[in-house]
Amino acid sequence: MKRIAAEAAVDAYVKDGMNVGLGTGSTAYYAIRRIGQLVTENGYRLTCAATSIQSEEIAKGFGIEVVDIDSVGKLDVTIDGADEIDPKLNLIKGLGGALLREKIVAAATVREIIVADDSKLVEKLGTKAPLPVEVLKFGHEHTSFALKRQGCEPVLRMRDGEPFVTDGGNYIYDCRFPNGIDNPYFIESRIDVIPGVVENGLFLNTAFDTVVCDPEGNVSKASEREA
């Protein structure tokens, strides 16, 4: 389902000569692979910027030249995944650990296209996935106390027995809200003013469109699902 959605999004939105943002995660992998095919087999000339070191390495493996985002005025389209998508196309992202760079790339993008399988569709954000919050290492336990006062249970993300470290050199707290996130704009504003918070995984009013595949292999865009 991830592969079908990713390839459909690339074929629909990526055109020759574009500046393209490359997402991070298992679904974005298939989008990067398809973009690589367009470059190596179809002769597309694309300028690509990656949301993570991992995605940059994957892209180079598929024959895609990756540039620094600051060398690009804007990105025409970015193909990326999400951990949750609500009916208003608000998102939770960051379980892949690249939420800071993903948000920077999204802000520089004209059309942010989100690809996913239909298990990522939710009525309310925070009901399936935790909200990742990237924080500075310095004083991170104090930051976690402040996060907890927002009504969540923050858990420091670990890998191989050590705290997970992002490409930016920071930690991530995965924040579980017992009843989901009722007002994501309010929660975003409360989290963003906490000292030590670098960025949060709420991507609000960011997605231009979503391309979702169901278990039968049917692909739909947001406008089609609303109809």
C-alpha atoms as a PDB file:
ATOM      1  CA  MET A   1       0.000   0.000   0.000  1.00  0.00           C
ATOM      2  CA  LYS A   2       2.833   2.389   0.821  1.00  0.00           C
ATOM      3  CA  ARG A   3       4.563   1.664  -2.487  1.00  0.00           C
ATOM      4  CA  ILE A   4       1.381   2.088  -4.521  1.00  0.00           C
ATOM      5  CA  ALA A   5       0.517   5.416  -2.857  1.00  0.00           C
ATOM      6  CA  ALA A   6       4.062   6.757  -3.151  1.00  0.00           C
ATOM      7  CA  GLU A   7       4.465   5.870  -6.804  1.00  0.00           C
ATOM      8  CA  ALA A   8       1.028   7.300  -7.649  1.00  0.00           C
ATOM      9  CA  ALA A   9       1.912  10.595  -5.950  1.00  0.00           C
ATOM     10  CA  VAL A  10       5.231  10.902  -7.749  1.00  0.00           C
ATOM     11  CA  ASP A  11       3.655  10.177 -11.129  1.00  0.00           C
ATOM     12  CA  ALA A  12       0.888  12.712 -10.497  1.00  0.00           C
ATOM     13  CA  TYR A  13       2.886  15.610  -9.081  1.00  0.00           C
ATOM     14  CA  VAL A  14       6.571  15.390 -10.096  1.00  0.00           C
ATOM     15  CA  LYS A  15       7.341  16.938 -13.484  1.00  0.00           C
ATOM     16  CA  ASP A  16      10.586  17.372 -15.405  1.00  0.00           C
ATOM     17  CA  GLY A  17      12.563  20.451 -14.353  1.00  0.00           C
ATOM     18  CA  MET A  18      11.045  20.737 -10.866  1.00  0.00           C
ATOM     19  CA  ASN A  19      12.683  21.397  -7.515  1.00  0.00           C
ATOM     20  CA  VAL A  20      11.633  18.413  -5.389  1.00  0.00           C
ATOM     21  CA  GLY A  21      11.741  17.706  -1.661  1.00  0.00           C
ATOM     22  CA  LEU A  22      12.486  14.146  -0.594  1.00  0.00           C
ATOM     23  CA  GLY A  23      10.719  12.909   2.538  1.00  0.00           C
ATOM     24  CA  THR A  24      11.885  10.483   5.200  1.00  0.00           C
ATOM     25  CA  GLY A  25      10.527   7.116   6.278  1.00  0.00           C
ATOM     26  CA  SER A  26       9.326   3.817   4.908  1.00  0.00           C
ATOM     27  CA  THR A  27       6.694   5.333   2.607  1.00  0.00           C
ATOM     28  CA  ALA A  28       8.951   8.135   1.385  1.00  0.00           C
ATOM     29  CA  TYR A  29      11.525   5.483   0.446  1.00  0.00           C
ATOM     30  CA  TYR A  30       9.259   4.269  -2.354  1.00  0.00           C
ATOM     31  CA  ALA A  31       8.737   7.832  -3.553  1.00  0.00           C
ATOM     32  CA  ILE A  32      12.499   8.390  -3.686  1.00  0.00           C
ATOM     33  CA  ARG A  33      12.935   5.144  -5.597  1.00  0.00           C
ATOM     34  CA  ARG A  34      10.321   6.189  -8.165  1.00  0.00           C
ATOM     35  CA  ILE A  35      11.916   9.642  -8.499  1.00  0.00           C
ATOM     36  CA  GLY A  36      15.227   7.890  -9.128  1.00  0.00           C
ATOM     37  CA  GLN A  37      13.598   5.948 -11.960  1.00  0.00           C
ATOM     38  CA  LEU A  38      12.346   9.186 -13.501  1.00  0.00           C
ATOM     39  CA  VAL A  39      15.887  10.576 -13.360  1.00  0.00           C
ATOM     40  CA  THR A  40      17.819   7.541 -14.570  1.00  0.00           C
ATOM     41  CA  GLU A  41      15.303   5.999 -16.984  1.00  0.00           C
ATOM     42  CA  ASN A  42      13.158   8.912 -18.160  1.00  0.00           C
ATOM     43  CA  GLY A  43      15.862  11.566 -18.213  1.00  0.00           C
ATOM     44  CA  TYR A  44      14.145  13.958 -15.811  1.00  0.00           C
ATOM     45  CA  ARG A  45      16.324  16.868 -14.700  1.00  0.00           C
ATOM     46  CA  LEU A  46      15.349  17.499 -11.080  1.00  0.00           C
ATOM     47  CA  THR A  47      16.867  19.539  -8.271  1.00  0.00           C
ATOM     48  CA  CYS A  48      16.261  17.616  -5.051  1.00  0.00           C
ATOM     49  CA  ALA A  49      16.644  18.489  -1.363  1.00  0.00           C
ATOM     50  CA  ALA A  50      16.371  15.823   1.348  1.00  0.00           C
ATOM     51  CA  THR A  51      14.710  15.955   4.757  1.00  0.00           C
ATOM     52  CA  SER A  52      17.324  13.725   6.401  1.00  0.00           C
ATOM     53  CA  ILE A  53      20.808  12.311   6.001  1.00  0.00           C
ATOM     54  CA  GLN A  54      19.208   8.884   5.551  1.00  0.00           C
ATOM     55  CA  SER A  55      17.029  10.073   2.663  1.00  0.00           C
ATOM     56  CA  GLU A  56      19.973  11.834   1.034  1.00  0.00           C
ATOM     57  CA  GLU A  57      21.963   8.595   1.078  1.00  0.00           C
ATOM     58  CA  ILE A  58      19.008   6.619  -0.301  1.00  0.00           C
ATOM     59  CA  ALA A  59      18.527   9.190  -3.056  1.00  0.00           C
ATOM     60  CA  LYS A  60      22.157   9.087  -4.115  1.00  0.00           C
ATOM     61  CA  GLY A  61      21.889   5.298  -4.285  1.00  0.00           C
ATOM     62  CA  PHE A  62      19.083   5.703  -6.816  1.00  0.00           C
ATOM     63  CA  GLY A  63      21.097   8.123  -8.958  1.00  0.00           C
ATOM     64  CA  ILE A  64      19.531  11.356  -7.638  1.00  0.00           C
ATOM     65  CA  GLU A  65      21.716  14.409  -7.112  1.00  0.00           C
ATOM     66  CA  VAL A  66      20.856  16.094  -3.810  1.00  0.00           C
ATOM     67  CA  VAL A  67      21.567  19.768  -3.070  1.00  0.00           C
ATOM     68  CA  ASP A  68      21.455  21.859   0.085  1.00  0.00           C
ATOM     69  CA  ILE A  69      18.013  23.377   0.580  1.00  0.00           C
ATOM     70  CA  ASP A  70      19.522  26.850   0.930  1.00  0.00           C
ATOM     71  CA  SER A  71      20.686  26.626  -2.696  1.00  0.00           C
ATOM     72  CA  VAL A  72      17.041  26.372  -3.820  1.00  0.00           C
ATOM     73  CA  GLY A  73      14.690  29.354  -3.801  1.00  0.00           C
ATOM     74  CA  LYS A  74      11.628  27.188  -3.290  1.00  0.00           C
ATOM     75  CA  LEU A  75      10.551  23.601  -3.798  1.00  0.00           C
ATOM     76  CA  ASP A  76       7.751  22.948  -6.269  1.00  0.00           C
ATOM     77  CA  VAL A  77       6.673  19.743  -4.548  1.00  0.00           C
ATOM     78  CA  THR A  78       7.681  17.516  -1.642  1.00  0.00           C
ATOM     79  CA  ILE A  79       6.563  13.895  -1.352  1.00  0.00           C
ATOM     80  CA  ASP A  80       6.579  12.737   2.274  1.00  0.00           C
ATOM     81  CA  GLY A  81       4.783  10.391   4.646  1.00  0.00           C
ATOM     82  CA  ALA A  82       2.851  10.973   7.864  1.00  0.00           C
ATOM     83  CA  ASP A  83       2.056   9.078  11.046  1.00  0.00           C
ATOM     84  CA  GLU A  84      -1.502  10.411  11.302  1.00  0.00           C
ATOM     85  CA  ILE A  85      -3.801  12.374   8.980  1.00  0.00           C
ATOM     86  CA  ASP A  86      -7.033  13.937  10.242  1.00  0.00           C
ATOM     87  CA  PRO A  87     -10.054  14.947   8.091  1.00  0.00           C
ATOM     88  CA  LYS A  88      -8.713  18.513   7.744  1.00  0.00           C
ATOM     89  CA  LEU A  89      -5.353  17.168   6.466  1.00  0.00           C
ATOM     90  CA  ASN A  90      -3.584  18.129   9.666  1.00  0.00           C
ATOM     91  CA  LEU A  91      -0.755  15.734  10.418  1.00  0.00           C
ATOM     92  CA  ILE A  92       1.435  14.154  13.037  1.00  0.00           C
ATOM     93  CA  LYS A  93       4.912  13.437  11.704  1.00  0.00           C
ATOM     94  CA  GLY A  94       8.240  12.564  13.247  1.00  0.00           C
ATOM     95  CA  LEU A  95       8.253   8.874  14.127  1.00  0.00           C
ATOM     96  CA  GLY A  96      11.046   8.589  11.556  1.00  0.00           C
ATOM     97  CA  GLY A  97      13.085  11.067  13.595  1.00  0.00           C
ATOM     98  CA  ALA A  98      13.320  13.828  10.956  1.00  0.00           C
ATOM     99  CA  LEU A  99      10.512  16.171  12.010  1.00  0.00           C
ATOM    100  CA  LEU A 100      12.667  19.329  12.262  1.00  0.00           C
ATOM    101  CA  ARG A 101      14.098  19.078   8.750  1.00  0.00           C
ATOM    102  CA  GLU A 102      10.766  17.851   7.409  1.00  0.00           C
ATOM    103  CA  LYS A 103       9.064  20.986   8.721  1.00  0.00           C
ATOM    104  CA  ILE A 104      11.749  23.269   7.278  1.00  0.00           C
ATOM    105  CA  VAL A 105      11.416  21.586   3.889  1.00  0.00           C
ATOM    106  CA  ALA A 106       7.612  21.706   4.077  1.00  0.00           C
ATOM    107  CA  ALA A 107       7.728  25.449   4.790  1.00  0.00           C
ATOM    108  CA  ALA A 108       9.836  25.941   1.644  1.00  0.00           C
ATOM    109  CA  THR A 109       7.452  23.874  -0.498  1.00  0.00           C
ATOM    110  CA  VAL A 110       4.594  25.052  -2.706  1.00  0.00           C
ATOM    111  CA  ARG A 111       2.838  21.661  -2.707  1.00  0.00           C
ATOM    112  CA  GLU A 112       3.418  19.278   0.208  1.00  0.00           C
ATOM    113  CA  ILE A 113       2.030  15.901  -0.860  1.00  0.00           C
ATOM    114  CA  ILE A 114       1.505  13.302   1.862  1.00  0.00           C
ATOM    115  CA  VAL A 115       1.476   9.606   0.947  1.00  0.00           C
ATOM    116  CA  ALA A 116       0.240   6.872   3.274  1.00  0.00           C
ATOM    117  CA  ASP A 117      -1.758   3.703   3.669  1.00  0.00           C
ATOM    118  CA  ASP A 118      -5.265   4.131   5.027  1.00  0.00           C
ATOM    119  CA  SER A 119      -4.302   3.042   8.545  1.00  0.00           C
ATOM    120  CA  LYS A 120      -2.895   6.563   9.008  1.00  0.00           C
ATOM    121  CA  LEU A 121      -6.329   8.189   8.657  1.00  0.00           C
ATOM    122  CA  VAL A 122      -7.775   9.250  12.030  1.00  0.00           C
ATOM    123  CA  GLU A 123     -10.698  11.346  13.220  1.00  0.00           C
ATOM    124  CA  LYS A 124      -8.550  13.055  15.867  1.00  0.00           C
ATOM    125  CA  LEU A 125      -4.787  13.523  15.989  1.00  0.00           C
ATOM    126  CA  GLY A 126      -2.962  11.706  18.755  1.00  0.00           C
ATOM    127  CA  THR A 127      -5.328   8.741  18.954  1.00  0.00           C
ATOM    128  CA  LYS A 128      -2.934   6.223  17.382  1.00  0.00           C
ATOM    129  CA  ALA A 129       0.489   7.827  17.231  1.00  0.00           C
ATOM    130  CA  PRO A 130       2.328   9.788  19.906  1.00  0.00           C
ATOM    131  CA  LEU A 131       3.311  13.371  19.169  1.00  0.00           C
ATOM    132  CA  PRO A 132       7.103  13.581  18.689  1.00  0.00           C
ATOM    133  CA  VAL A 133       8.751  16.671  20.165  1.00  0.00           C
ATOM    134  CA  GLU A 134      12.395  17.420  19.398  1.00  0.00           C
ATOM    135  CA  VAL A 135      14.256  18.985  22.319  1.00  0.00           C
ATOM    136  CA  LEU A 136      17.739  20.143  23.174  1.00  0.00           C
ATOM    137  CA  LYS A 137      19.880  17.666  25.085  1.00  0.00           C
ATOM    138  CA  PHE A 138      20.669  20.350  27.666  1.00  0.00           C
ATOM    139  CA  GLY A 139      18.096  20.236  30.452  1.00  0.00           C
ATOM    140  CA  HIS A 140      15.908  17.810  28.528  1.00  0.00           C
ATOM    141  CA  GLU A 141      14.378  16.315  31.679  1.00  0.00           C
ATOM    142  CA  HIS A 142      13.176  19.769  32.707  1.00  0.00           C
ATOM    143  CA  THR A 143      11.730  20.172  29.234  1.00  0.00           C
ATOM    144  CA  SER A 144       9.909  16.862  29.656  1.00  0.00           C
ATOM    145  CA  PHE A 145       8.342  18.088  32.919  1.00  0.00           C
ATOM    146  CA  ALA A 146       6.947  21.103  31.067  1.00  0.00           C
ATOM    147  CA  LEU A 147       5.640  18.854  28.284  1.00  0.00           C
ATOM    148  CA  LYS A 148       3.843  16.689  30.831  1.00  0.00           C
ATOM    149  CA  ARG A 149       1.975  19.749  32.103  1.00  0.00           C
ATOM    150  CA  GLN A 150       0.311  19.971  28.682  1.00  0.00           C
ATOM    151  CA  GLY A 151      -1.658  16.807  29.460  1.00  0.00           C
ATOM    152  CA  CYS A 152       0.571  14.201  27.857  1.00  0.00           C
ATOM    153  CA  GLU A 153       2.967  11.485  28.958  1.00  0.00           C
ATOM    154  CA  PRO A 154       6.373  12.244  27.389  1.00  0.00           C
ATOM    155  CA  VAL A 155       8.726   9.288  26.854  1.00  0.00           C
ATOM    156  CA  LEU A 156      12.325   9.785  25.789  1.00  0.00           C
ATOM    157  CA  ARG A 157      12.913   7.929  22.527  1.00  0.00           C
ATOM    158  CA  MET A 158      15.614   5.269  22.841  1.00  0.00           C
ATOM    159  CA  ARG A 159      17.638   3.244  20.352  1.00  0.00           C
ATOM    160  CA  ASP A 160      19.952   0.384  21.287  1.00  0.00           C
ATOM    161  CA  GLY A 161      19.755   1.346  24.946  1.00  0.00           C
ATOM    162  CA  GLU A 162      20.745   4.976  24.346  1.00  0.00           C
ATOM    163  CA  PRO A 163      18.688   8.112  23.690  1.00  0.00           C
ATOM    164  CA  PHE A 164      17.911   8.519  19.997  1.00  0.00           C
ATOM    165  CA  VAL A 165      19.772  11.488  18.508  1.00  0.00           C
ATOM    166  CA  THR A 166      18.380  13.386  15.530  1.00  0.00           C
ATOM    167  CA  ASP A 167      20.347  14.698  12.559  1.00  0.00           C
ATOM    168  CA  GLY A 168      20.373  18.032  14.381  1.00  0.00           C
ATOM    169  CA  GLY A 169      21.964  16.477  17.473  1.00  0.00           C
ATOM    170  CA  ASN A 170      18.822  16.650  19.616  1.00  0.00           C
ATOM    171  CA  TYR A 171      16.617  14.234  21.570  1.00  0.00           C
ATOM    172  CA  ILE A 172      12.984  13.340  20.898  1.00  0.00           C
ATOM    173  CA  TYR A 173      10.195  12.872  23.430  1.00  0.00           C
ATOM    174  CA  ASP A 174       7.202  10.892  22.163  1.00  0.00           C
ATOM    175  CA  CYS A 175       4.166  12.415  23.873  1.00  0.00           C
ATOM    176  CA  ARG A 176       1.013  10.336  24.391  1.00  0.00           C
ATOM    177  CA  PHE A 177      -2.252  12.210  24.927  1.00  0.00           C
ATOM    178  CA  PRO A 178      -4.732   9.850  26.681  1.00  0.00           C
ATOM    179  CA  ASN A 179      -7.760  11.127  24.743  1.00  0.00           C
ATOM    180  CA  GLY A 180      -6.052  12.452  21.651  1.00  0.00           C
ATOM    181  CA  ILE A 181      -5.413  16.100  20.824  1.00  0.00           C
ATOM    182  CA  ASP A 182      -8.631  18.117  20.964  1.00  0.00           C
ATOM    183  CA  ASN A 183      -7.175  21.449  19.844  1.00  0.00           C
ATOM    184  CA  PRO A 184      -3.945  20.905  17.893  1.00  0.00           C
ATOM    185  CA  TYR A 185      -3.353  24.616  17.211  1.00  0.00           C
ATOM    186  CA  PHE A 186      -3.556  25.383  20.928  1.00  0.00           C
ATOM    187  CA  ILE A 187      -1.294  22.469  21.875  1.00  0.00           C
ATOM    188  CA  GLU A 188       1.215  23.468  19.200  1.00  0.00           C
ATOM    189  CA  SER A 189       1.423  27.013  20.562  1.00  0.00           C
ATOM    190  CA  ARG A 190       1.797  25.774  24.153  1.00  0.00           C
ATOM    191  CA  ILE A 191       4.567  23.336  23.250  1.00  0.00           C
ATOM    192  CA  ASP A 192       6.480  25.774  21.044  1.00  0.00           C
ATOM    193  CA  VAL A 193       7.000  28.273  23.885  1.00  0.00           C
ATOM    194  CA  ILE A 194       8.535  25.693  26.248  1.00  0.00           C
ATOM    195  CA  PRO A 195      12.253  26.437  26.739  1.00  0.00           C
ATOM    196  CA  GLY A 196      14.300  23.626  25.244  1.00  0.00           C
ATOM    197  CA  VAL A 197      11.736  22.624  22.605  1.00  0.00           C
ATOM    198  CA  VAL A 198      13.253  22.775  19.125  1.00  0.00           C
ATOM    199  CA  GLU A 199      10.211  21.643  17.120  1.00  0.00           C
ATOM    200  CA  ASN A 200       7.081  19.533  17.409  1.00  0.00           C
ATOM    201  CA  GLY A 201       5.512  16.981  15.081  1.00  0.00           C
ATOM    202  CA  LEU A 202       2.201  18.777  14.494  1.00  0.00           C
ATOM    203  CA  PHE A 203       2.075  19.750  10.820  1.00  0.00           C
ATOM    204  CA  LEU A 204      -1.001  21.967  10.671  1.00  0.00           C
ATOM    205  CA  ASN A 205      -2.303  23.577   7.495  1.00  0.00           C
ATOM    206  CA  THR A 206       0.740  22.151   5.722  1.00  0.00           C
ATOM    207  CA  ALA A 207      -0.456  19.392   3.383  1.00  0.00           C
ATOM    208  CA  PHE A 208      -1.567  20.436  -0.097  1.00  0.00           C
ATOM    209  CA  ASP A 209      -2.967  16.977  -0.776  1.00  0.00           C
ATOM    210  CA  THR A 210      -2.815  13.407   0.485  1.00  0.00           C
ATOM    211  CA  VAL A 211      -2.550  10.260  -1.610  1.00  0.00           C
ATOM    212  CA  VAL A 212      -3.752   7.202   0.304  1.00  0.00           C
ATOM    213  CA  CYS A 213      -3.942   3.520  -0.647  1.00  0.00           C
ATOM    214  CA  ASP A 214      -6.410   1.053   0.891  1.00  0.00           C
ATOM    215  CA  PRO A 215      -5.846  -2.704   1.401  1.00  0.00           C
ATOM    216  CA  GLU A 216      -7.422  -3.459  -2.011  1.00  0.00           C
ATOM    217  CA  GLY A 217      -4.834  -1.287  -3.743  1.00  0.00           C
ATOM    218  CA  ASN A 218      -7.233   1.583  -4.486  1.00  0.00           C
ATOM    219  CA  VAL A 219      -5.615   5.011  -4.442  1.00  0.00           C
ATOM    220  CA  SER A 220      -7.516   8.195  -3.566  1.00  0.00           C
ATOM    221  CA  LYS A 221      -6.700  11.846  -3.071  1.00  0.00           C
ATOM    222  CA  ALA A 222      -8.181  13.957  -0.283  1.00  0.00           C
ATOM    223  CA  SER A 223     -10.657  15.679  -2.616  1.00  0.00           C
ATOM    224  CA  GLU A 224     -11.921  12.312  -3.843  1.00  0.00           C
ATOM    225  CA  ARG A 225     -12.404  10.995  -0.298  1.00  0.00           C
ATOM    226  CA  GLU A 226     -14.350  14.121   0.667  1.00  0.00           C
ATOM    227  CA  ALA A 227     -16.646  13.654  -2.347  1.00  0.00           C
END
